[in-house]
Amino acid sequence: MGRPTKFTQALAEKICERIADRESLRSICRDEDMPAKSTVLSWLADDGKAAFRARYALAREILADGFVDELVEIADDRSNDWIEKKNAAGETTGWQENGEAIRRSQLRIATRQWVAEKLKPKKYGAKVEPEQGVTGEVSQLLEDINGKTRGLPNGG
């Protein structure tokens, strides 16, 4: 039996549940009982399947929230930060920082943060604060064009 190609609500729900549980669409679509990734993408592009598109978007937002929850857990987990230092005889002589585990944790945090920012930019994206007031060259430019474009009245 081949991969499913016909859209069903049950299949759509299963896909969305798995995405919300932190599984990638690529991984889901590797399963023989799931549709190919191209099939799911065509369903998402189909205007007749707007409810699936909305549910899928919600699942991706839940995924982002899950990644953010993990950030603190990863940062607080110190279980592999230190390893025993042993001499040639195999005796413990002290402890040393496990740089590889620490770098891996940093990478895991940075990756999850980046994905969360992309999936839910309004909530997790960088906040850009506009500068107050207009200064310098921009101010001069605004003064120069005041009333000179599209028949606007002179502001003076």
Protein backbone atom coordinates (compact mmCIF):
# COMPACT_ATOMS: atom_id res chain seq x y z
CA MET A 1 0.00 0.00 0.00
CA GLY A 2 1.37 3.44 -0.94
CA ARG A 3 1.52 6.68 0.95
CA PRO A 4 -1.77 8.46 1.52
CA THR A 5 -2.47 11.33 -0.87
CA LYS A 6 -6.11 12.02 -0.04
CA PHE A 7 -6.71 14.67 2.63
CA THR A 8 -8.58 13.47 5.70
CA GLN A 9 -9.27 15.32 8.92
CA ALA A 10 -7.80 12.45 10.95
CA LEU A 11 -4.54 12.58 9.02
CA ALA A 12 -4.39 16.37 9.31
CA GLU A 13 -4.92 16.17 13.09
CA LYS A 14 -2.20 13.54 13.43
CA ILE A 15 0.28 15.72 11.52
CA CYS A 16 -0.53 18.78 13.64
CA GLU A 17 -0.29 16.83 16.90
CA ARG A 18 3.13 15.50 15.98
CA ILE A 19 4.38 18.94 14.99
CA ALA A 20 3.14 20.40 18.28
CA ASP A 21 5.06 17.58 20.00
CA ARG A 22 8.33 18.87 18.44
CA GLU A 23 8.56 16.57 15.46
CA SER A 24 9.54 18.06 12.13
CA LEU A 25 7.36 17.75 9.05
CA ARG A 26 10.31 16.07 7.34
CA SER A 27 10.46 13.42 10.06
CA ILE A 28 6.69 12.89 10.05
CA CYS A 29 6.64 12.43 6.29
CA ARG A 30 9.37 9.76 6.44
CA ASP A 31 6.80 7.40 7.97
CA GLU A 32 5.29 5.11 5.34
CA ASP A 33 1.77 5.64 6.70
CA MET A 34 2.06 9.43 6.29
CA PRO A 35 1.80 11.49 3.11
CA ALA A 36 4.87 12.79 1.33
CA LYS A 37 6.06 16.24 2.39
CA SER A 38 5.08 17.65 -1.01
CA THR A 39 1.53 16.39 -0.47
CA VAL A 40 1.24 18.12 2.90
CA LEU A 41 2.65 21.33 1.42
CA SER A 42 0.08 21.19 -1.38
CA TRP A 43 -2.68 20.78 1.23
CA LEU A 44 -1.36 23.85 3.04
CA ALA A 45 -1.45 25.85 -0.20
CA ASP A 46 -5.02 24.76 -1.00
CA ASP A 47 -7.51 27.54 -0.19
CA GLY A 48 -10.15 24.87 0.40
CA LYS A 49 -8.16 23.59 3.37
CA ALA A 50 -7.94 26.86 5.33
CA ALA A 51 -8.91 25.10 8.57
CA PHE A 52 -5.94 22.73 8.20
CA ARG A 53 -3.66 25.67 7.43
CA ALA A 54 -4.83 27.44 10.61
CA ARG A 55 -4.42 24.30 12.73
CA TYR A 56 -0.96 23.71 11.25
CA ALA A 57 0.05 27.32 12.05
CA LEU A 58 -1.18 26.87 15.63
CA ALA A 59 0.83 23.64 15.93
CA ARG A 60 3.95 25.52 14.78
CA GLU A 61 3.31 28.21 17.42
CA ILE A 62 2.97 25.51 20.08
CA LEU A 63 6.25 24.08 18.80
CA ALA A 64 7.91 27.48 19.31
CA ASP A 65 6.56 27.72 22.86
CA GLY A 66 7.93 24.23 23.55
CA PHE A 67 11.38 25.27 22.36
CA VAL A 68 11.31 28.31 24.64
CA ASP A 69 10.33 26.11 27.59
CA GLU A 70 13.38 23.96 26.86
CA LEU A 71 15.78 26.90 26.83
CA VAL A 72 15.74 27.28 30.61
CA GLU A 73 15.90 23.52 31.17
CA ILE A 74 18.98 23.20 28.97
CA ALA A 75 20.65 26.21 30.59
CA ASP A 76 19.96 24.89 34.11
CA ASP A 77 21.13 21.33 33.38
CA ARG A 78 24.67 21.08 34.73
CA SER A 79 24.83 17.29 34.72
CA ASN A 80 27.61 16.98 32.12
CA ASP A 81 29.45 20.27 32.65
CA TRP A 82 32.26 18.65 34.63
CA ILE A 83 34.15 15.40 34.07
CA GLU A 84 36.59 13.53 36.25
CA LYS A 85 40.24 14.11 35.47
CA LYS A 86 42.29 10.93 35.79
CA ASN A 87 45.99 10.22 35.76
CA ALA A 88 47.76 7.49 33.74
CA ALA A 89 46.94 4.92 36.44
CA GLY A 90 43.23 5.71 36.12
CA GLU A 91 42.99 7.40 39.51
CA THR A 92 40.78 10.46 39.87
CA THR A 93 42.92 13.54 40.35
CA GLY A 94 40.22 16.20 40.13
CA TRP A 95 37.60 17.66 37.87
CA GLN A 96 37.76 19.56 34.62
CA GLU A 97 35.25 21.53 32.63
CA ASN A 98 33.61 19.52 29.87
CA GLY A 99 33.88 22.11 27.11
CA GLU A 100 32.22 19.88 24.52
CA ALA A 101 29.06 19.45 26.61
CA ILE A 102 28.93 23.16 27.39
CA ARG A 103 29.33 24.12 23.71
CA ARG A 104 26.64 21.60 22.75
CA SER A 105 24.27 23.15 25.30
CA GLN A 106 25.03 26.61 23.92
CA LEU A 107 24.28 25.37 20.41
CA ARG A 108 21.04 23.72 21.51
CA ILE A 109 19.93 26.94 23.21
CA ALA A 110 20.89 29.16 20.26
CA THR A 111 19.17 26.87 17.75
CA ARG A 112 15.93 26.71 19.72
CA GLN A 113 15.97 30.45 20.28
CA TRP A 114 16.50 31.12 16.56
CA VAL A 115 13.70 28.74 15.56
CA ALA A 116 11.30 30.25 18.12
CA GLU A 117 12.10 33.75 16.82
CA LYS A 118 11.30 32.64 13.27
CA LEU A 119 8.15 30.70 14.14
CA LYS A 120 6.70 33.33 16.48
CA PRO A 121 8.46 36.64 15.77
CA LYS A 122 5.92 38.87 17.52
CA LYS A 123 6.44 37.03 20.79
CA TYR A 124 10.06 35.84 20.61
CA GLY A 125 11.66 38.05 17.95
CA ALA A 126 14.05 40.87 18.70
CA LYS A 127 12.28 44.05 19.73
CA VAL A 128 13.25 47.09 17.70
CA GLU A 129 12.78 50.34 19.57
CA PRO A 130 12.32 53.37 17.32
CA GLU A 131 14.41 56.38 18.18
CA GLN A 132 12.50 59.30 19.58
CA GLY A 133 12.51 62.42 17.43
CA VAL A 134 14.04 63.10 14.06
CA THR A 135 17.58 64.39 13.86
CA GLY A 136 20.29 65.39 11.43
CA GLU A 137 20.00 64.53 7.75
CA VAL A 138 16.51 63.02 8.03
CA SER A 139 15.20 66.21 9.62
CA GLN A 140 16.75 68.30 6.85
CA LEU A 141 15.30 66.00 4.18
CA LEU A 142 11.81 66.33 5.65
CA GLU A 143 12.17 70.10 5.75
CA ASP A 144 13.34 70.19 2.12
CA ILE A 145 10.41 68.15 0.78
CA ASN A 146 7.74 69.77 2.94
CA GLY A 147 4.95 70.87 0.61
CA LYS A 148 6.85 70.00 -2.57
CA THR A 149 5.40 66.60 -3.37
CA ARG A 150 2.05 65.59 -4.83
CA GLY A 151 0.56 69.05 -4.45
CA LEU A 152 0.57 68.93 -0.67
CA PRO A 153 0.07 72.29 1.01
CA ASN A 154 3.12 73.89 2.57
CA GLY A 155 3.27 73.05 6.22
CA GLY A 156 4.78 76.45 7.11
